[in-house]
């Protein structure tokens, strides 16, 4: 049941990314290009995600425990270190160069292209490297 719910949540997430235009790298790069021909339409996707998350977390935290688990797995660290900041910088650079972040990249696998393949290989390489550093 837990695996099925995870699959359905991932499917819903991917569908939301596709409907919101996050799987179109040209649209994402247009949004990130604030000094050029800026496309502000994705701000509505981000705003919708922030509002949904804000409300959803408050509703979920009232439950005390998750439906399919014994406890919530929330991050406990609050400090910033070089590893976190370096990873965030690499994430942002990769997002700006390719127009994909991990969720939309995986959601776009059905429309696989050379740039998407290069991004997925770089992402897998980054995960592999992060586990060894």
C-alpha atoms as a PDB file:
ATOM      1  CA  UNK A   1       0.000   0.000   0.000  1.00  0.00           C
ATOM      2  CA  UNK A   2       2.861   2.380   0.861  1.00  0.00           C
ATOM      3  CA  UNK A   3       4.522   1.749  -2.523  1.00  0.00           C
ATOM      4  CA  UNK A   4       1.230   2.257  -4.376  1.00  0.00           C
ATOM      5  CA  UNK A   5       0.603   5.563  -2.575  1.00  0.00           C
ATOM      6  CA  UNK A   6       4.171   6.660  -3.347  1.00  0.00           C
ATOM      7  CA  UNK A   7       3.628   5.814  -7.013  1.00  0.00           C
ATOM      8  CA  UNK A   8       0.335   7.730  -7.095  1.00  0.00           C
ATOM      9  CA  UNK A   9       1.909  10.748  -5.360  1.00  0.00           C
ATOM     10  CA  UNK A  10       4.775  10.719  -7.878  1.00  0.00           C
ATOM     11  CA  UNK A  11       2.312  10.435 -10.752  1.00  0.00           C
ATOM     12  CA  UNK A  12       0.286  13.376  -9.416  1.00  0.00           C
ATOM     13  CA  UNK A  13       3.492  15.400  -8.918  1.00  0.00           C
ATOM     14  CA  UNK A  14       4.666  14.672 -12.481  1.00  0.00           C
ATOM     15  CA  UNK A  15       1.242  15.534 -13.877  1.00  0.00           C
ATOM     16  CA  UNK A  16       1.295  18.841 -11.999  1.00  0.00           C
ATOM     17  CA  UNK A  17       4.757  19.620 -13.358  1.00  0.00           C
ATOM     18  CA  UNK A  18       3.657  18.872 -16.923  1.00  0.00           C
ATOM     19  CA  UNK A  19       0.428  20.897 -16.654  1.00  0.00           C
ATOM     20  CA  UNK A  20       2.307  23.782 -15.027  1.00  0.00           C
ATOM     21  CA  UNK A  21       4.862  23.899 -17.868  1.00  0.00           C
ATOM     22  CA  UNK A  22       7.811  22.913 -15.667  1.00  0.00           C
ATOM     23  CA  UNK A  23       8.771  20.114 -18.093  1.00  0.00           C
ATOM     24  CA  UNK A  24       9.403  22.662 -20.883  1.00  0.00           C
ATOM     25  CA  UNK A  25      13.038  23.734 -20.471  1.00  0.00           C
ATOM     26  CA  UNK A  26      12.585  26.766 -22.769  1.00  0.00           C
ATOM     27  CA  UNK A  27       9.828  28.071 -20.503  1.00  0.00           C
ATOM     28  CA  UNK A  28      11.929  27.526 -17.367  1.00  0.00           C
ATOM     29  CA  UNK A  29      14.976  29.228 -18.884  1.00  0.00           C
ATOM     30  CA  UNK A  30      12.696  32.094 -19.990  1.00  0.00           C
ATOM     31  CA  UNK A  31      11.554  32.436 -16.383  1.00  0.00           C
ATOM     32  CA  UNK A  32      15.121  32.416 -15.063  1.00  0.00           C
ATOM     33  CA  UNK A  33      16.285  35.005 -17.638  1.00  0.00           C
ATOM     34  CA  UNK A  34      15.270  38.067 -15.638  1.00  0.00           C
ATOM     35  CA  UNK A  35      17.802  40.294 -17.429  1.00  0.00           C
ATOM     36  CA  UNK A  36      16.585  39.300 -20.897  1.00  0.00           C
ATOM     37  CA  UNK A  37      13.227  38.270 -22.350  1.00  0.00           C
ATOM     38  CA  UNK A  38      11.661  37.313 -19.022  1.00  0.00           C
ATOM     39  CA  UNK A  39       8.630  34.978 -19.023  1.00  0.00           C
ATOM     40  CA  UNK A  40       6.890  35.449 -15.636  1.00  0.00           C
ATOM     41  CA  UNK A  41       4.203  32.784 -16.138  1.00  0.00           C
ATOM     42  CA  UNK A  42       5.901  30.170 -13.936  1.00  0.00           C
ATOM     43  CA  UNK A  43       5.566  32.441 -10.923  1.00  0.00           C
ATOM     44  CA  UNK A  44       1.933  31.288 -10.747  1.00  0.00           C
ATOM     45  CA  UNK A  45       3.101  27.650 -10.592  1.00  0.00           C
ATOM     46  CA  UNK A  46       5.518  28.496  -7.776  1.00  0.00           C
ATOM     47  CA  UNK A  47       2.869  30.555  -5.967  1.00  0.00           C
ATOM     48  CA  UNK A  48       0.370  27.708  -6.239  1.00  0.00           C
ATOM     49  CA  UNK A  49       2.964  25.267  -4.890  1.00  0.00           C
ATOM     50  CA  UNK A  50       3.793  27.520  -1.937  1.00  0.00           C
ATOM     51  CA  UNK A  51       0.132  28.025  -1.015  1.00  0.00           C
ATOM     52  CA  UNK A  52      -0.657  24.303  -1.397  1.00  0.00           C
ATOM     53  CA  UNK A  53       2.361  23.337   0.705  1.00  0.00           C
ATOM     54  CA  UNK A  54       1.582  25.927   3.382  1.00  0.00           C
ATOM     55  CA  UNK A  55      -1.984  24.683   3.795  1.00  0.00           C
ATOM     56  CA  UNK A  56      -1.144  20.995   3.299  1.00  0.00           C
ATOM     57  CA  UNK A  57       1.590  20.912   5.948  1.00  0.00           C
ATOM     58  CA  UNK A  58      -0.699  22.521   8.513  1.00  0.00           C
ATOM     59  CA  UNK A  59      -3.377  19.920   7.844  1.00  0.00           C
ATOM     60  CA  UNK A  60      -0.919  17.014   7.924  1.00  0.00           C
ATOM     61  CA  UNK A  61       0.800  18.137  11.139  1.00  0.00           C
ATOM     62  CA  UNK A  62      -2.568  18.125  12.919  1.00  0.00           C
ATOM     63  CA  UNK A  63      -2.703  14.351  12.396  1.00  0.00           C
ATOM     64  CA  UNK A  64       0.272  13.581  14.624  1.00  0.00           C
ATOM     65  CA  UNK A  65       1.357  10.534  12.600  1.00  0.00           C
ATOM     66  CA  UNK A  66       1.257   9.776   8.861  1.00  0.00           C
ATOM     67  CA  UNK A  67      -1.390   7.424   7.430  1.00  0.00           C
ATOM     68  CA  UNK A  68       1.113   4.814   6.275  1.00  0.00           C
ATOM     69  CA  UNK A  69       3.979   5.214   8.721  1.00  0.00           C
ATOM     70  CA  UNK A  70       4.807   5.445  12.398  1.00  0.00           C
ATOM     71  CA  UNK A  71       6.360   8.926  12.299  1.00  0.00           C
ATOM     72  CA  UNK A  72       7.055  11.858   9.991  1.00  0.00           C
ATOM     73  CA  UNK A  73      10.587  11.951   8.568  1.00  0.00           C
ATOM     74  CA  UNK A  74      11.416  15.654   8.760  1.00  0.00           C
ATOM     75  CA  UNK A  75      14.883  17.222   8.573  1.00  0.00           C
ATOM     76  CA  UNK A  76      16.269  18.199  11.964  1.00  0.00           C
ATOM     77  CA  UNK A  77      19.414  20.117  11.000  1.00  0.00           C
ATOM     78  CA  UNK A  78      19.087  23.887  10.824  1.00  0.00           C
ATOM     79  CA  UNK A  79      22.678  24.884  10.049  1.00  0.00           C
ATOM     80  CA  UNK A  80      24.223  25.716   6.697  1.00  0.00           C
ATOM     81  CA  UNK A  81      27.506  24.086   5.762  1.00  0.00           C
ATOM     82  CA  UNK A  82      29.749  24.173   2.712  1.00  0.00           C
ATOM     83  CA  UNK A  83      28.385  20.867   1.441  1.00  0.00           C
ATOM     84  CA  UNK A  84      24.766  22.147   1.488  1.00  0.00           C
ATOM     85  CA  UNK A  85      25.676  25.491  -0.064  1.00  0.00           C
ATOM     86  CA  UNK A  86      27.842  23.823  -2.720  1.00  0.00           C
ATOM     87  CA  UNK A  87      25.044  21.398  -3.595  1.00  0.00           C
ATOM     88  CA  UNK A  88      22.536  24.252  -3.793  1.00  0.00           C
ATOM     89  CA  UNK A  89      24.871  26.182  -6.093  1.00  0.00           C
ATOM     90  CA  UNK A  90      25.352  23.145  -8.363  1.00  0.00           C
ATOM     91  CA  UNK A  91      21.580  22.603  -8.408  1.00  0.00           C
ATOM     92  CA  UNK A  92      20.964  26.210  -9.449  1.00  0.00           C
ATOM     93  CA  UNK A  93      23.689  26.216 -12.088  1.00  0.00           C
ATOM     94  CA  UNK A  94      22.418  22.942 -13.553  1.00  0.00           C
ATOM     95  CA  UNK A  95      18.832  24.210 -13.524  1.00  0.00           C
ATOM     96  CA  UNK A  96      19.844  27.437 -15.251  1.00  0.00           C
ATOM     97  CA  UNK A  97      21.921  25.688 -17.896  1.00  0.00           C
ATOM     98  CA  UNK A  98      19.488  22.893 -18.771  1.00  0.00           C
ATOM     99  CA  UNK A  99      16.067  24.254 -17.773  1.00  0.00           C
ATOM    100  CA  UNK A 100      15.439  21.057 -15.821  1.00  0.00           C
ATOM    101  CA  UNK A 101      15.494  20.300 -12.119  1.00  0.00           C
ATOM    102  CA  UNK A 102      15.243  16.649 -11.007  1.00  0.00           C
ATOM    103  CA  UNK A 103      11.432  16.346 -10.803  1.00  0.00           C
ATOM    104  CA  UNK A 104      10.666  17.754 -14.245  1.00  0.00           C
ATOM    105  CA  UNK A 105      13.624  15.852 -15.726  1.00  0.00           C
ATOM    106  CA  UNK A 106      12.245  12.516 -14.531  1.00  0.00           C
ATOM    107  CA  UNK A 107       8.713  13.543 -15.567  1.00  0.00           C
ATOM    108  CA  UNK A 108      10.063  14.256 -19.079  1.00  0.00           C
ATOM    109  CA  UNK A 109      11.729  10.868 -19.633  1.00  0.00           C
ATOM    110  CA  UNK A 110       9.004   9.859 -22.110  1.00  0.00           C
ATOM    111  CA  UNK A 111      10.209  12.726 -24.361  1.00  0.00           C
ATOM    112  CA  UNK A 112      13.897  11.852 -24.001  1.00  0.00           C
ATOM    113  CA  UNK A 113      16.327  14.110 -25.895  1.00  0.00           C
ATOM    114  CA  UNK A 114      20.110  14.543 -25.953  1.00  0.00           C
ATOM    115  CA  UNK A 115      20.067  17.573 -23.569  1.00  0.00           C
ATOM    116  CA  UNK A 116      17.730  15.748 -21.169  1.00  0.00           C
ATOM    117  CA  UNK A 117      19.913  12.638 -21.289  1.00  0.00           C
ATOM    118  CA  UNK A 118      22.980  14.784 -20.549  1.00  0.00           C
ATOM    119  CA  UNK A 119      21.174  16.385 -17.596  1.00  0.00           C
ATOM    120  CA  UNK A 120      20.049  13.001 -16.195  1.00  0.00           C
ATOM    121  CA  UNK A 121      23.579  11.572 -16.530  1.00  0.00           C
ATOM    122  CA  UNK A 122      25.026  14.666 -14.792  1.00  0.00           C
ATOM    123  CA  UNK A 123      22.398  14.371 -12.034  1.00  0.00           C
ATOM    124  CA  UNK A 124      23.177  10.680 -11.465  1.00  0.00           C
ATOM    125  CA  UNK A 125      26.891  11.509 -11.443  1.00  0.00           C
ATOM    126  CA  UNK A 126      26.275  14.242  -8.855  1.00  0.00           C
ATOM    127  CA  UNK A 127      24.355  11.818  -6.610  1.00  0.00           C
ATOM    128  CA  UNK A 128      27.142   9.253  -6.945  1.00  0.00           C
ATOM    129  CA  UNK A 129      29.806  11.865  -6.180  1.00  0.00           C
ATOM    130  CA  UNK A 130      27.872  13.301  -3.213  1.00  0.00           C
ATOM    131  CA  UNK A 131      27.757   9.854  -1.563  1.00  0.00           C
ATOM    132  CA  UNK A 132      31.546   9.588  -1.776  1.00  0.00           C
ATOM    133  CA  UNK A 133      32.488  13.114  -0.619  1.00  0.00           C
END
